[in-house]
Amino acid sequence: MDNGHRPGLLDPRQVAYEFLTRQLGIPGSKVQEMKEIKETQEGKILQVSLSDGKMLQLYLVQPVRKEPTGIWQVKKYRFLE
């Protein structure tokens, strides 16, 4: 998984955009704002505002190495009411 072929996985925002597009079918053009709202021992929480008024939170973790060279992945997500 972490063999240097996808350097974008080192950037949590890039990972979030890829997840939105590939897993949820939300194109990047619908993202109005993406901001980090919390950093925890386990990872980061990003809040995403979409152009249709919906909001969601993505919980990202570094499953292998918790350092600048560790890749990120979305562990879970939720839409906000």
N, C-alpha and C. Protein backbone atom coordinates (compact mmCIF):
# COMPACT_ATOMS: atom_id res chain seq x y z
N MET A 1 0.81 -1.19 0.00
CA MET A 1 0.00 0.00 0.00
C MET A 1 0.86 1.25 0.00
N ASP A 2 1.83 1.35 0.89
CA ASP A 2 2.65 2.53 1.06
C ASP A 2 4.00 2.31 0.40
N ASN A 3 4.02 2.25 -0.93
CA ASN A 3 5.28 1.96 -1.61
C ASN A 3 5.75 3.09 -2.51
N GLY A 4 5.24 4.32 -2.32
CA GLY A 4 5.75 5.47 -3.04
C GLY A 4 5.13 5.76 -4.38
N HIS A 5 4.17 4.96 -4.83
CA HIS A 5 3.59 5.17 -6.15
C HIS A 5 2.48 6.22 -6.17
N ARG A 6 1.95 6.58 -5.00
CA ARG A 6 0.86 7.56 -4.92
C ARG A 6 1.17 8.62 -3.87
N PRO A 7 2.06 9.58 -4.19
CA PRO A 7 2.45 10.58 -3.20
C PRO A 7 1.28 11.43 -2.71
N GLY A 8 0.17 11.49 -3.43
CA GLY A 8 -1.01 12.23 -2.99
C GLY A 8 -1.59 11.69 -1.70
N LEU A 9 -1.29 10.44 -1.37
CA LEU A 9 -1.81 9.84 -0.14
C LEU A 9 -1.15 10.42 1.11
N LEU A 10 -0.09 11.21 0.93
CA LEU A 10 0.56 11.86 2.06
C LEU A 10 -0.16 13.13 2.48
N ASP A 11 -1.07 13.60 1.65
CA ASP A 11 -1.82 14.84 1.89
C ASP A 11 -3.26 14.51 2.27
N PRO A 12 -3.67 14.78 3.51
CA PRO A 12 -5.02 14.41 3.92
C PRO A 12 -6.12 15.07 3.08
N ARG A 13 -5.89 16.29 2.62
CA ARG A 13 -6.90 16.96 1.78
C ARG A 13 -7.05 16.27 0.42
N GLN A 14 -5.95 15.85 -0.16
CA GLN A 14 -6.01 15.14 -1.43
C GLN A 14 -6.73 13.81 -1.27
N VAL A 15 -6.46 13.13 -0.17
CA VAL A 15 -7.13 11.86 0.13
C VAL A 15 -8.63 12.09 0.28
N ALA A 16 -9.00 13.19 0.95
CA ALA A 16 -10.41 13.52 1.14
C ALA A 16 -11.09 13.77 -0.20
N TYR A 17 -10.45 14.54 -1.09
CA TYR A 17 -11.03 14.80 -2.42
C TYR A 17 -11.20 13.51 -3.20
N GLU A 18 -10.20 12.64 -3.16
CA GLU A 18 -10.30 11.36 -3.88
C GLU A 18 -11.43 10.51 -3.32
N PHE A 19 -11.59 10.49 -2.01
CA PHE A 19 -12.66 9.72 -1.39
C PHE A 19 -14.02 10.25 -1.81
N LEU A 20 -14.17 11.56 -1.77
CA LEU A 20 -15.45 12.16 -2.17
C LEU A 20 -15.81 11.77 -3.61
N THR A 21 -14.83 11.85 -4.48
CA THR A 21 -15.07 11.57 -5.90
C THR A 21 -15.29 10.08 -6.16
N ARG A 22 -14.37 9.26 -5.69
CA ARG A 22 -14.41 7.83 -6.02
C ARG A 22 -15.43 7.03 -5.22
N GLN A 23 -15.57 7.33 -3.93
CA GLN A 23 -16.44 6.52 -3.08
C GLN A 23 -17.86 7.07 -2.96
N LEU A 24 -17.99 8.40 -2.95
CA LEU A 24 -19.31 9.00 -2.75
C LEU A 24 -19.89 9.62 -4.02
N GLY A 25 -19.11 9.69 -5.09
CA GLY A 25 -19.60 10.24 -6.34
C GLY A 25 -19.83 11.74 -6.29
N ILE A 26 -19.10 12.44 -5.42
CA ILE A 26 -19.22 13.90 -5.30
C ILE A 26 -18.01 14.53 -5.98
N PRO A 27 -18.22 15.22 -7.10
CA PRO A 27 -17.07 15.83 -7.79
C PRO A 27 -16.47 16.98 -6.98
N GLY A 28 -15.18 17.19 -7.14
CA GLY A 28 -14.49 18.26 -6.44
C GLY A 28 -15.09 19.63 -6.71
N SER A 29 -15.72 19.79 -7.86
CA SER A 29 -16.32 21.08 -8.20
C SER A 29 -17.50 21.44 -7.29
N LYS A 30 -18.05 20.46 -6.58
CA LYS A 30 -19.17 20.71 -5.66
C LYS A 30 -18.70 21.11 -4.26
N VAL A 31 -17.38 21.00 -4.01
CA VAL A 31 -16.84 21.34 -2.70
C VAL A 31 -16.65 22.85 -2.62
N GLN A 32 -17.35 23.48 -1.67
CA GLN A 32 -17.18 24.91 -1.46
C GLN A 32 -16.06 25.19 -0.49
N GLU A 33 -15.98 24.39 0.56
CA GLU A 33 -14.95 24.60 1.58
C GLU A 33 -14.59 23.27 2.22
N MET A 34 -13.31 23.12 2.53
CA MET A 34 -12.84 21.96 3.26
C MET A 34 -11.88 22.49 4.32
N LYS A 35 -12.19 22.21 5.59
CA LYS A 35 -11.32 22.70 6.64
C LYS A 35 -11.11 21.63 7.70
N GLU A 36 -9.93 21.67 8.29
CA GLU A 36 -9.62 20.76 9.38
C GLU A 36 -10.25 21.35 10.64
N ILE A 37 -11.11 20.59 11.29
CA ILE A 37 -11.75 21.11 12.49
C ILE A 37 -11.17 20.51 13.76
N LYS A 38 -10.45 19.41 13.64
CA LYS A 38 -9.88 18.81 14.84
C LYS A 38 -8.75 17.86 14.46
N GLU A 39 -7.72 17.86 15.30
CA GLU A 39 -6.66 16.85 15.17
C GLU A 39 -6.68 16.06 16.47
N THR A 40 -6.73 14.75 16.34
CA THR A 40 -6.80 13.89 17.50
C THR A 40 -5.58 12.97 17.53
N GLN A 41 -5.48 12.19 18.57
CA GLN A 41 -4.43 11.18 18.68
C GLN A 41 -4.51 10.22 17.49
N GLU A 42 -5.72 9.91 17.05
CA GLU A 42 -5.93 8.93 15.97
C GLU A 42 -5.75 9.53 14.58
N GLY A 43 -6.01 10.83 14.41
CA GLY A 43 -5.92 11.40 13.07
C GLY A 43 -6.50 12.80 12.99
N LYS A 44 -7.19 13.09 11.88
CA LYS A 44 -7.74 14.41 11.63
C LYS A 44 -9.22 14.30 11.26
N ILE A 45 -9.97 15.34 11.59
CA ILE A 45 -11.36 15.43 11.17
C ILE A 45 -11.46 16.64 10.25
N LEU A 46 -11.91 16.39 9.03
CA LEU A 46 -12.12 17.46 8.06
C LEU A 46 -13.61 17.67 7.87
N GLN A 47 -14.02 18.93 7.82
CA GLN A 47 -15.42 19.25 7.54
C GLN A 47 -15.51 19.80 6.13
N VAL A 48 -16.46 19.28 5.37
CA VAL A 48 -16.62 19.63 3.96
C VAL A 48 -18.00 20.26 3.75
N SER A 49 -18.00 21.45 3.16
CA SER A 49 -19.25 22.12 2.79
C SER A 49 -19.43 21.98 1.28
N LEU A 50 -20.61 21.53 0.85
CA LEU A 50 -20.89 21.34 -0.57
C LEU A 50 -21.76 22.47 -1.10
N SER A 51 -21.73 22.66 -2.41
CA SER A 51 -22.48 23.74 -3.05
C SER A 51 -23.99 23.59 -2.91
N ASP A 52 -24.48 22.38 -2.62
CA ASP A 52 -25.93 22.18 -2.46
C ASP A 52 -26.38 22.38 -1.01
N GLY A 53 -25.47 22.86 -0.14
CA GLY A 53 -25.80 23.13 1.24
C GLY A 53 -25.53 21.99 2.20
N LYS A 54 -25.23 20.81 1.68
CA LYS A 54 -24.93 19.66 2.55
C LYS A 54 -23.54 19.82 3.15
N MET A 55 -23.38 19.20 4.32
CA MET A 55 -22.07 19.20 4.99
C MET A 55 -21.77 17.79 5.46
N LEU A 56 -20.50 17.45 5.45
CA LEU A 56 -20.10 16.16 5.98
C LEU A 56 -18.76 16.26 6.66
N GLN A 57 -18.49 15.29 7.50
CA GLN A 57 -17.20 15.20 8.17
C GLN A 57 -16.53 13.91 7.76
N LEU A 58 -15.24 14.02 7.52
CA LEU A 58 -14.41 12.87 7.17
C LEU A 58 -13.40 12.65 8.29
N TYR A 59 -13.28 11.41 8.72
CA TYR A 59 -12.31 11.05 9.76
C TYR A 59 -11.16 10.32 9.09
N LEU A 60 -9.99 10.95 9.09
CA LEU A 60 -8.82 10.39 8.43
C LEU A 60 -7.81 9.90 9.45
N VAL A 61 -7.17 8.78 9.12
CA VAL A 61 -6.14 8.19 9.98
C VAL A 61 -4.92 7.83 9.14
N GLN A 62 -3.81 7.66 9.83
CA GLN A 62 -2.59 7.14 9.21
C GLN A 62 -2.43 5.71 9.74
N PRO A 63 -2.84 4.72 8.95
CA PRO A 63 -2.87 3.35 9.46
C PRO A 63 -1.51 2.69 9.65
N VAL A 64 -0.49 3.16 8.96
CA VAL A 64 0.81 2.49 9.03
C VAL A 64 1.80 3.28 9.88
N ARG A 65 2.10 4.50 9.45
CA ARG A 65 3.06 5.36 10.17
C ARG A 65 2.38 6.68 10.49
N LYS A 66 2.50 7.12 11.73
CA LYS A 66 1.92 8.39 12.14
C LYS A 66 3.01 9.46 12.14
N GLU A 67 3.38 9.87 10.95
CA GLU A 67 4.45 10.86 10.74
C GLU A 67 4.26 11.46 9.36
N PRO A 68 5.06 12.47 8.99
CA PRO A 68 4.90 13.11 7.67
C PRO A 68 5.01 12.17 6.48
N THR A 69 5.68 11.03 6.63
CA THR A 69 5.81 10.10 5.51
C THR A 69 4.75 9.00 5.53
N GLY A 70 3.80 9.10 6.46
CA GLY A 70 2.73 8.10 6.55
C GLY A 70 1.55 8.48 5.68
N ILE A 71 0.97 7.49 5.01
CA ILE A 71 -0.17 7.75 4.15
C ILE A 71 -1.44 7.93 4.99
N TRP A 72 -2.41 8.61 4.40
CA TRP A 72 -3.70 8.86 5.03
C TRP A 72 -4.78 8.03 4.36
N GLN A 73 -5.82 7.69 5.11
CA GLN A 73 -7.00 7.06 4.54
C GLN A 73 -8.22 7.52 5.33
N VAL A 74 -9.36 7.51 4.66
CA VAL A 74 -10.60 7.86 5.34
C VAL A 74 -11.09 6.62 6.08
N LYS A 75 -11.24 6.76 7.39
CA LYS A 75 -11.70 5.65 8.22
C LYS A 75 -13.22 5.61 8.24
N LYS A 76 -13.85 6.80 8.34
CA LYS A 76 -15.31 6.87 8.34
C LYS A 76 -15.73 8.28 7.97
N TYR A 77 -17.01 8.42 7.71
CA TYR A 77 -17.55 9.74 7.37
C TYR A 77 -19.00 9.81 7.84
N ARG A 78 -19.50 11.03 7.93
CA ARG A 78 -20.92 11.20 8.26
C ARG A 78 -21.40 12.51 7.68
N PHE A 79 -22.67 12.49 7.23
CA PHE A 79 -23.32 13.71 6.78
C PHE A 79 -23.91 14.40 8.00
N LEU A 80 -23.83 15.71 8.03
CA LEU A 80 -24.34 16.48 9.15
C LEU A 80 -25.75 16.95 8.86
N GLU A 81 -26.56 17.00 9.88
CA GLU A 81 -27.95 17.46 9.75
C GLU A 81 -28.01 18.97 9.72
